[in-house]
Amino acid sequence: MAQPYYDDREQTAVKHEILGRYLSAFVPIVGDWAADIAYVDCLAGPWESVDPTLADTSFGRAIGVLRSTRKVLNGRGKFPTMRCLFVEKNPVSFDKLKRYCDGVTDIEVRAENWDLTEHVQDVVAFAKERPNSFRFFFIDPNGWEPLQIALITPILSLDPNEVLINLMTSWITRFLSDESKQFGRLLGADWRKLLDLRGEQQEDELVRLYANAVRKAGRFKYVCTLPVLKPDQDAFHYYMIYATRHIRGVEEFKATEKHVIPFMHETRAKAQERRRLVQSGQRSLLEPAALYRERRFTRHQLKNLDVAKHELRDKLEASSQVLYDDARATVLQYSAVTEADFQEWLREWKTAGLLEITNQRPGQKLAQKGQGQHLRWKRKR
């Protein structure tokens, strides 16, 4: 449940919930083998923080998670070093950031008053300081310029690493026709085709272009996207772009998504109730969830279910066989598409006599990951 510090900025509560939930899973996994865990917040702020302890900031949330997960790892006999780099160019915000960091004594924390666009190589140097290190980068700008692919490619291409990016789609689509913005540096050479699209179709294609650019620049095997709704409008404010090279990362991000989607709807329902109270002066007898309204995310989910199912079927029909693990990974990269959806499609096609699964054990109804099993489409085009 969102804290009162997030009133009127519920989208930030959702963003921080994504970050916190994923890090809570990520750190214990990589801490089992990595000697060092480096967390880098490339545009740390703080911005619009209300909590005097700065717990309602991305860096405050990250420090809290690192502390709790370190205890988990220590309980397993694992003692990786943990270090953070927090970058902020605004001098007023940096002063608050620096005071916060000076008060952190149990984790190695470094704050730098840098403009990311001028200090990418310094960020990379920090990330590479120690051997056997796993790096996690959080890139959350106010605009779009720090997200230029050529600019952040040195960060994306580090290996091993993972990255979580906030792509401010609501801002980008509003200024897309402004030639002075030079969106080609963000979206690549094909960006102009977005000008021929409108509304949700334009937004979807914009996200696809950027996600593919991140995938290519960082040689990531998997890229997931998760939209975050505006608290006061039935529209997306931004998309969180997550990139990884390992299917385990996808699985943990999907677990985060499973938690965050209901959390987002709950926080928006409470925000809607709060605004009704302000406008009418009367509290409803019904629970906020009973009066909650949204359509945009539902349309997004239904579209993704349809697109993911058709992509999977096309992939199966075009190949002699597809490794089950690869088919599963293809589907799970779509936001709001679940493992249960994937399994249901396989059952549907198998029951219809369209699909067979190789190397099944006696009594096994469906394929399982990591077993070298393949999906084979029985009727070709």
Protein backbone atom coordinates (compact mmCIF):
# COMPACT_ATOMS: atom_id res chain seq x y z
CA MET A 1 0.00 0.00 0.00
CA ALA A 2 1.29 3.46 -0.94
CA GLN A 3 2.37 5.75 1.91
CA PRO A 4 0.73 9.18 2.34
CA TYR A 5 4.02 10.70 1.15
CA TYR A 6 2.95 9.67 -2.35
CA ASP A 7 -0.41 11.48 -2.38
CA ASP A 8 -0.89 13.19 -5.77
CA ARG A 9 2.15 11.40 -7.20
CA GLU A 10 0.87 7.86 -7.22
CA GLN A 11 2.78 7.14 -10.43
CA THR A 12 5.98 7.63 -8.43
CA ALA A 13 4.76 5.18 -5.80
CA VAL A 14 4.26 2.60 -8.56
CA LYS A 15 7.70 3.30 -10.04
CA HIS A 16 9.38 2.91 -6.67
CA GLU A 17 7.39 -0.26 -6.00
CA ILE A 18 8.71 -1.74 -9.25
CA LEU A 19 12.26 -0.78 -8.32
CA GLY A 20 12.02 -2.01 -4.73
CA ARG A 21 10.27 -5.30 -5.47
CA TYR A 22 12.65 -6.21 -8.25
CA LEU A 23 15.79 -5.32 -6.29
CA SER A 24 14.49 -7.41 -3.37
CA ALA A 25 14.55 -10.44 -5.66
CA PHE A 26 17.58 -9.48 -7.75
CA VAL A 27 20.13 -8.91 -4.97
CA PRO A 28 19.76 -12.30 -3.21
CA ILE A 29 20.09 -14.06 -6.57
CA VAL A 30 23.26 -12.37 -7.85
CA GLY A 31 24.67 -12.14 -4.33
CA ASP A 32 24.93 -15.93 -4.28
CA TRP A 33 27.83 -15.77 -6.76
CA ALA A 34 28.95 -12.15 -7.27
CA ALA A 35 31.73 -10.77 -5.07
CA ASP A 36 30.40 -7.24 -5.51
CA ILE A 37 27.01 -5.64 -6.24
CA ALA A 38 27.08 -2.15 -7.72
CA TYR A 39 23.88 -0.10 -7.80
CA VAL A 40 23.92 3.07 -9.90
CA ASP A 41 21.13 5.67 -9.94
CA CYS A 42 22.11 7.81 -12.91
CA LEU A 43 19.66 10.66 -12.22
CA ALA A 44 18.99 10.37 -8.53
CA GLY A 45 17.26 13.61 -7.56
CA PRO A 46 15.53 13.98 -5.11
CA TRP A 47 12.47 15.43 -6.84
CA GLU A 48 9.21 16.30 -5.07
CA SER A 49 10.16 14.27 -2.00
CA VAL A 50 7.87 14.80 1.00
CA ASP A 51 9.27 12.36 3.55
CA PRO A 52 11.88 14.16 5.71
CA THR A 53 13.94 10.95 5.77
CA LEU A 54 13.87 10.78 1.93
CA ALA A 55 12.44 7.27 2.08
CA ASP A 56 10.10 8.30 -0.75
CA THR A 57 12.98 8.63 -3.22
CA SER A 58 14.48 6.06 -5.55
CA PHE A 59 17.82 6.12 -3.73
CA GLY A 60 16.12 5.88 -0.33
CA ARG A 61 14.16 2.84 -1.49
CA ALA A 62 17.31 1.24 -2.95
CA ILE A 63 19.33 1.70 0.25
CA GLY A 64 16.53 0.12 2.27
CA VAL A 65 16.42 -2.90 -0.02
CA LEU A 66 20.20 -3.33 -0.01
CA ARG A 67 20.18 -3.37 3.78
CA SER A 68 17.42 -5.98 4.03
CA THR A 69 18.81 -8.24 1.30
CA ARG A 70 22.30 -8.09 2.78
CA LYS A 71 20.88 -9.71 5.91
CA VAL A 72 19.37 -12.46 3.77
CA LEU A 73 22.70 -13.09 2.04
CA ASN A 74 24.68 -13.00 5.27
CA GLY A 75 22.32 -15.62 6.67
CA ARG A 76 23.36 -17.87 3.78
CA GLY A 77 27.04 -17.27 4.45
CA LYS A 78 27.39 -14.87 1.50
CA PHE A 79 29.13 -11.52 2.02
CA PRO A 80 29.37 -9.58 -1.25
CA THR A 81 30.41 -5.97 -1.03
CA MET A 82 27.64 -3.49 -1.83
CA ARG A 83 28.28 -0.05 -3.23
CA CYS A 84 26.16 2.72 -4.72
CA LEU A 85 26.76 5.64 -7.03
CA PHE A 86 24.12 8.37 -7.01
CA VAL A 87 24.44 11.00 -9.74
CA GLU A 88 22.59 14.33 -9.75
CA LYS A 89 23.41 17.53 -11.66
CA ASN A 90 20.95 19.96 -10.03
CA PRO A 91 22.91 21.70 -7.22
CA VAL A 92 19.92 22.09 -4.90
CA SER A 93 18.86 18.46 -5.28
CA PHE A 94 22.47 17.32 -5.02
CA ASP A 95 22.88 19.12 -1.70
CA LYS A 96 19.98 17.08 -0.27
CA LEU A 97 21.36 13.91 -1.85
CA LYS A 98 24.82 14.52 -0.44
CA ARG A 99 23.49 15.09 3.08
CA TYR A 100 21.55 11.84 2.83
CA CYS A 101 24.58 9.91 1.62
CA ASP A 102 26.79 11.34 4.35
CA GLY A 103 24.38 9.79 6.85
CA VAL A 104 24.72 6.29 5.35
CA THR A 105 27.56 4.54 7.14
CA ASP A 106 26.77 0.85 6.68
CA ILE A 107 26.90 0.76 2.87
CA GLU A 108 29.53 2.23 0.58
CA VAL A 109 27.74 5.22 -0.98
CA ARG A 110 29.14 7.84 -3.34
CA ALA A 111 27.26 10.95 -4.51
CA GLU A 112 28.46 12.95 -7.49
CA ASN A 113 27.25 16.34 -8.74
CA TRP A 114 27.51 15.26 -12.37
CA ASP A 115 25.56 15.83 -15.55
CA LEU A 116 25.10 12.28 -16.80
CA THR A 117 25.40 13.39 -20.42
CA GLU A 118 28.99 14.51 -19.68
CA HIS A 119 30.03 11.75 -17.27
CA VAL A 120 28.95 8.42 -18.77
CA GLN A 121 32.55 7.20 -18.86
CA ASP A 122 32.97 8.08 -15.18
CA VAL A 123 29.85 6.05 -14.39
CA VAL A 124 31.27 3.13 -16.37
CA ALA A 125 34.61 3.46 -14.56
CA PHE A 126 32.82 3.20 -11.20
CA ALA A 127 30.92 0.12 -12.37
CA LYS A 128 34.14 -1.60 -13.50
CA GLU A 129 36.20 -0.82 -10.39
CA ARG A 130 35.96 -4.31 -8.90
CA PRO A 131 36.20 -7.82 -10.31
CA ASN A 132 33.32 -10.30 -10.30
CA SER A 133 30.85 -7.45 -9.91
CA PHE A 134 27.22 -7.37 -11.01
CA ARG A 135 25.85 -3.92 -11.84
CA PHE A 136 22.29 -2.63 -11.80
CA PHE A 137 21.56 0.74 -13.41
CA PHE A 138 18.46 2.83 -12.79
CA ILE A 139 17.97 5.63 -15.34
CA ASP A 140 15.04 7.87 -14.49
CA PRO A 141 15.24 11.28 -16.22
CA ASN A 142 12.83 14.19 -16.18
CA GLY A 143 12.95 14.40 -19.98
CA TRP A 144 14.39 12.20 -22.68
CA GLU A 145 17.85 13.52 -23.59
CA PRO A 146 19.78 11.36 -21.06
CA LEU A 147 18.18 8.30 -22.69
CA GLN A 148 19.81 8.79 -26.10
CA ILE A 149 21.00 5.36 -27.16
CA ALA A 150 24.43 6.46 -28.36
CA LEU A 151 24.98 8.28 -25.07
CA ILE A 152 24.13 5.37 -22.76
CA THR A 153 25.49 2.53 -24.92
CA PRO A 154 28.69 2.29 -22.80
CA ILE A 155 26.42 1.64 -19.79
CA LEU A 156 24.09 -0.76 -21.60
CA SER A 157 26.95 -2.80 -23.06
CA LEU A 158 28.60 -3.60 -19.72
CA ASP A 159 28.37 -7.31 -18.98
CA PRO A 160 27.15 -8.53 -16.56
CA ASN A 161 24.54 -5.89 -15.85
CA GLU A 162 20.85 -5.11 -15.86
CA VAL A 163 19.10 -1.83 -16.45
CA LEU A 164 15.74 -0.28 -15.55
CA ILE A 165 14.80 2.81 -17.59
CA ASN A 166 11.90 5.22 -17.26
CA LEU A 167 10.72 6.17 -20.76
CA MET A 168 8.48 9.24 -20.42
CA THR A 169 6.12 8.37 -23.28
CA SER A 170 3.47 10.96 -22.38
CA TRP A 171 6.04 13.73 -22.78
CA ILE A 172 7.68 12.31 -25.91
CA THR A 173 4.43 11.81 -27.84
CA ARG A 174 3.39 15.37 -27.03
CA PHE A 175 6.51 16.82 -28.67
CA LEU A 176 7.11 14.20 -31.36
CA SER A 177 6.41 16.56 -34.25
CA ASP A 178 8.88 19.16 -32.94
CA GLU A 179 11.89 18.86 -35.29
CA SER A 180 14.14 20.65 -32.80
CA LYS A 181 13.92 17.71 -30.38
CA GLN A 182 15.88 15.37 -32.68
CA PHE A 183 14.11 12.22 -31.56
CA GLY A 184 16.20 10.16 -33.94
CA ARG A 185 18.88 10.14 -31.26
CA LEU A 186 16.40 8.43 -28.94
CA LEU A 187 14.44 6.13 -31.25
CA GLY A 188 16.73 5.49 -34.21
CA ALA A 189 16.42 6.12 -37.94
CA ASP A 190 12.87 4.77 -38.19
CA TRP A 191 11.40 7.24 -35.72
CA ARG A 192 9.65 9.36 -38.40
CA LYS A 193 7.16 6.62 -39.14
CA LEU A 194 5.67 7.44 -35.74
CA LEU A 195 4.40 10.71 -37.24
CA ASP A 196 2.01 8.71 -39.41
CA LEU A 197 0.49 7.03 -36.36
CA ARG A 198 -1.87 8.38 -33.73
CA GLY A 199 -2.90 7.71 -30.15
CA GLU A 200 -2.27 4.31 -28.62
CA GLN A 201 -0.83 2.90 -31.84
CA GLN A 202 1.82 5.62 -31.89
CA GLU A 203 2.62 5.08 -28.21
CA ASP A 204 2.94 1.31 -28.64
CA GLU A 205 5.28 1.67 -31.60
CA LEU A 206 7.39 4.27 -29.81
CA VAL A 207 7.93 1.86 -26.90
CA ARG A 208 8.74 -0.98 -29.29
CA LEU A 209 11.35 1.12 -31.13
CA TYR A 210 13.09 2.19 -27.93
CA ALA A 211 13.00 -1.27 -26.36
CA ASN A 212 14.56 -2.75 -29.50
CA ALA A 213 17.23 -0.04 -29.52
CA VAL A 214 18.11 -0.88 -25.90
CA ARG A 215 18.19 -4.58 -26.76
CA LYS A 216 20.55 -4.03 -29.68
CA ALA A 217 22.87 -1.52 -27.99
CA GLY A 218 23.34 -3.66 -24.89
CA ARG A 219 23.16 -7.02 -26.64
CA PHE A 220 20.44 -7.95 -24.18
CA LYS A 221 18.60 -11.19 -24.81
CA TYR A 222 15.41 -10.00 -23.11
CA VAL A 223 13.66 -6.65 -22.75
CA CYS A 224 10.41 -6.24 -20.83
CA THR A 225 8.19 -3.17 -20.68
CA LEU A 226 5.62 -2.18 -18.07
CA PRO A 227 3.37 0.89 -18.44
CA VAL A 228 2.43 3.07 -15.47
CA LEU A 229 -0.90 4.89 -15.49
CA LYS A 230 -1.34 8.54 -14.61
CA PRO A 231 -3.09 8.89 -11.25
CA ASP A 232 -5.73 11.34 -12.52
CA GLN A 233 -6.19 10.34 -16.19
CA ASP A 234 -6.95 7.09 -17.97
CA ALA A 235 -3.66 7.23 -19.82
CA PHE A 236 -0.09 6.01 -19.41
CA HIS A 237 2.40 8.40 -17.90
CA TYR A 238 5.50 6.39 -18.75
CA TYR A 239 6.84 2.90 -19.42
CA MET A 240 9.46 1.13 -17.35
CA ILE A 241 11.93 -0.63 -19.66
CA TYR A 242 13.80 -3.55 -18.10
CA ALA A 243 16.69 -5.29 -19.88
CA THR A 244 18.53 -8.48 -18.91
CA ARG A 245 20.57 -11.26 -20.44
CA HIS A 246 19.13 -14.07 -18.34
CA ILE A 247 15.68 -15.66 -18.25
CA ARG A 248 15.79 -15.66 -14.45
CA GLY A 249 15.68 -11.88 -14.62
CA VAL A 250 12.56 -12.04 -16.77
CA GLU A 251 10.92 -14.42 -14.30
CA GLU A 252 11.62 -12.12 -11.38
CA PHE A 253 10.46 -9.06 -13.28
CA LYS A 254 7.21 -10.87 -14.13
CA ALA A 255 6.79 -11.67 -10.43
CA THR A 256 7.27 -7.96 -9.75
CA GLU A 257 4.72 -7.13 -12.43
CA LYS A 258 2.21 -9.55 -10.88
CA HIS A 259 2.43 -7.60 -7.63
CA VAL A 260 2.68 -4.12 -9.09
CA ILE A 261 -0.33 -4.15 -11.43
CA PRO A 262 -2.87 -4.62 -8.58
CA PHE A 263 -0.84 -2.16 -6.48
CA MET A 264 -1.14 0.44 -9.24
CA HIS A 265 -4.90 -0.01 -9.51
CA GLU A 266 -5.28 0.17 -5.73
CA THR A 267 -3.30 3.39 -5.41
CA ARG A 268 -5.25 4.98 -8.27
CA ALA A 269 -8.56 3.89 -6.74
CA LYS A 270 -7.62 5.60 -3.48
CA ALA A 271 -6.49 8.69 -5.37
CA GLN A 272 -9.82 8.84 -7.20
CA GLU A 273 -11.67 8.51 -3.90
CA ARG A 274 -9.59 11.30 -2.36
CA ARG A 275 -10.42 13.63 -5.26
CA ARG A 276 -14.13 12.80 -5.02
CA LEU A 277 -14.02 13.67 -1.33
CA VAL A 278 -12.37 17.03 -2.08
CA GLN A 279 -14.92 17.84 -4.77
CA SER A 280 -18.08 16.75 -2.93
CA GLY A 281 -17.08 16.98 0.71
CA GLN A 282 -18.73 13.59 1.30
CA ARG A 283 -17.14 10.20 1.73
CA SER A 284 -18.69 7.37 -0.29
CA LEU A 285 -20.25 4.38 1.47
CA LEU A 286 -18.56 2.15 -1.11
CA GLU A 287 -14.96 1.04 -1.04
CA PRO A 288 -12.62 2.88 -3.46
CA ALA A 289 -12.19 -0.31 -5.51
CA ALA A 290 -15.94 -0.49 -6.15
CA LEU A 291 -15.94 2.95 -7.77
CA TYR A 292 -12.60 2.59 -9.55
CA ARG A 293 -12.54 3.19 -13.28
CA GLU A 294 -9.90 2.48 -15.89
CA ARG A 295 -9.94 1.31 -19.52
CA ARG A 296 -6.48 2.05 -20.90
CA PHE A 297 -4.59 -0.71 -19.11
CA THR A 298 -7.29 -3.24 -19.93
CA ARG A 299 -7.02 -2.39 -23.63
CA HIS A 300 -3.24 -2.69 -23.37
CA GLN A 301 -3.49 -6.10 -21.73
CA LEU A 302 -6.00 -7.46 -24.26
CA LYS A 303 -3.86 -6.24 -27.15
CA ASN A 304 -0.71 -7.79 -25.71
CA LEU A 305 -2.47 -11.11 -25.16
CA ASP A 306 -3.55 -11.13 -28.79
CA VAL A 307 -0.16 -10.02 -30.18
CA ALA A 308 1.85 -12.44 -28.01
CA LYS A 309 -0.37 -15.39 -28.92
CA HIS A 310 -0.15 -14.66 -32.63
CA GLU A 311 3.62 -14.11 -32.49
CA LEU A 312 4.07 -17.44 -30.72
CA ARG A 313 1.87 -19.26 -33.22
CA ASP A 314 3.69 -17.66 -36.17
CA LYS A 315 7.01 -18.71 -34.65
CA LEU A 316 5.82 -22.29 -34.21
CA GLU A 317 4.35 -22.53 -37.72
CA ALA A 318 7.52 -21.14 -39.31
CA SER A 319 9.91 -23.56 -37.58
CA SER A 320 10.34 -27.31 -37.50
CA GLN A 321 10.40 -27.05 -33.73
CA VAL A 322 10.94 -24.39 -31.05
CA LEU A 323 12.67 -24.90 -27.73
CA TYR A 324 10.06 -24.60 -25.00
CA ASP A 325 12.27 -22.22 -23.01
CA ASP A 326 12.60 -19.87 -26.00
CA ALA A 327 8.85 -19.88 -26.67
CA ARG A 328 8.14 -19.11 -23.03
CA ALA A 329 10.65 -16.26 -22.97
CA THR A 330 9.13 -14.74 -26.11
CA VAL A 331 5.70 -14.57 -24.49
CA LEU A 332 6.77 -13.39 -21.04
CA GLN A 333 8.43 -10.26 -22.41
CA TYR A 334 4.97 -8.83 -23.12
CA SER A 335 3.58 -6.84 -20.20
CA ALA A 336 0.41 -8.19 -18.57
CA VAL A 337 0.88 -11.56 -20.30
CA THR A 338 1.42 -14.29 -17.73
CA GLU A 339 2.80 -17.79 -17.47
CA ALA A 340 -0.78 -19.00 -17.04
CA ASP A 341 -1.74 -17.40 -20.37
CA PHE A 342 1.15 -19.16 -22.10
CA GLN A 343 0.24 -22.53 -20.61
CA GLU A 344 -3.41 -22.07 -21.57
CA TRP A 345 -2.47 -21.48 -25.21
CA LEU A 346 -0.34 -24.62 -25.25
CA ARG A 347 -3.20 -26.66 -23.76
CA GLU A 348 -5.63 -25.22 -26.31
CA TRP A 349 -3.40 -26.08 -29.27
CA LYS A 350 -2.47 -29.49 -27.93
CA THR A 351 -6.12 -30.40 -27.34
CA ALA A 352 -6.93 -29.27 -30.89
CA GLY A 353 -4.24 -31.57 -32.25
CA LEU A 354 -2.12 -28.69 -33.53
CA LEU A 355 0.81 -29.00 -31.14
CA GLU A 356 3.03 -31.75 -29.81
CA ILE A 357 5.71 -31.59 -27.14
CA THR A 358 8.89 -33.63 -27.50
CA ASN A 359 10.63 -35.63 -24.79
CA GLN A 360 7.69 -35.64 -22.39
CA ARG A 361 7.92 -37.95 -19.42
CA PRO A 362 5.08 -40.40 -18.71
CA GLY A 363 2.18 -38.53 -17.14
CA GLN A 364 3.60 -35.12 -18.00
CA LYS A 365 0.87 -32.93 -19.49
CA LEU A 366 2.89 -29.89 -20.54
CA ALA A 367 6.52 -29.03 -21.12
CA GLN A 368 8.76 -27.72 -18.37
CA LYS A 369 11.59 -25.22 -18.52
CA GLY A 370 15.17 -26.40 -18.48
CA GLN A 371 14.33 -29.89 -19.75
CA GLY A 372 15.42 -29.47 -23.37
CA GLN A 373 11.87 -30.02 -24.56
CA HIS A 374 10.58 -28.64 -27.85
CA LEU A 375 7.24 -27.49 -29.22
CA ARG A 376 6.37 -28.81 -32.66
CA TRP A 377 3.52 -27.45 -34.77
CA LYS A 378 1.80 -30.31 -36.56
CA ARG A 379 0.16 -28.38 -39.38
CA LYS A 380 2.34 -26.19 -41.52
CA ARG A 381 1.26 -23.32 -43.70
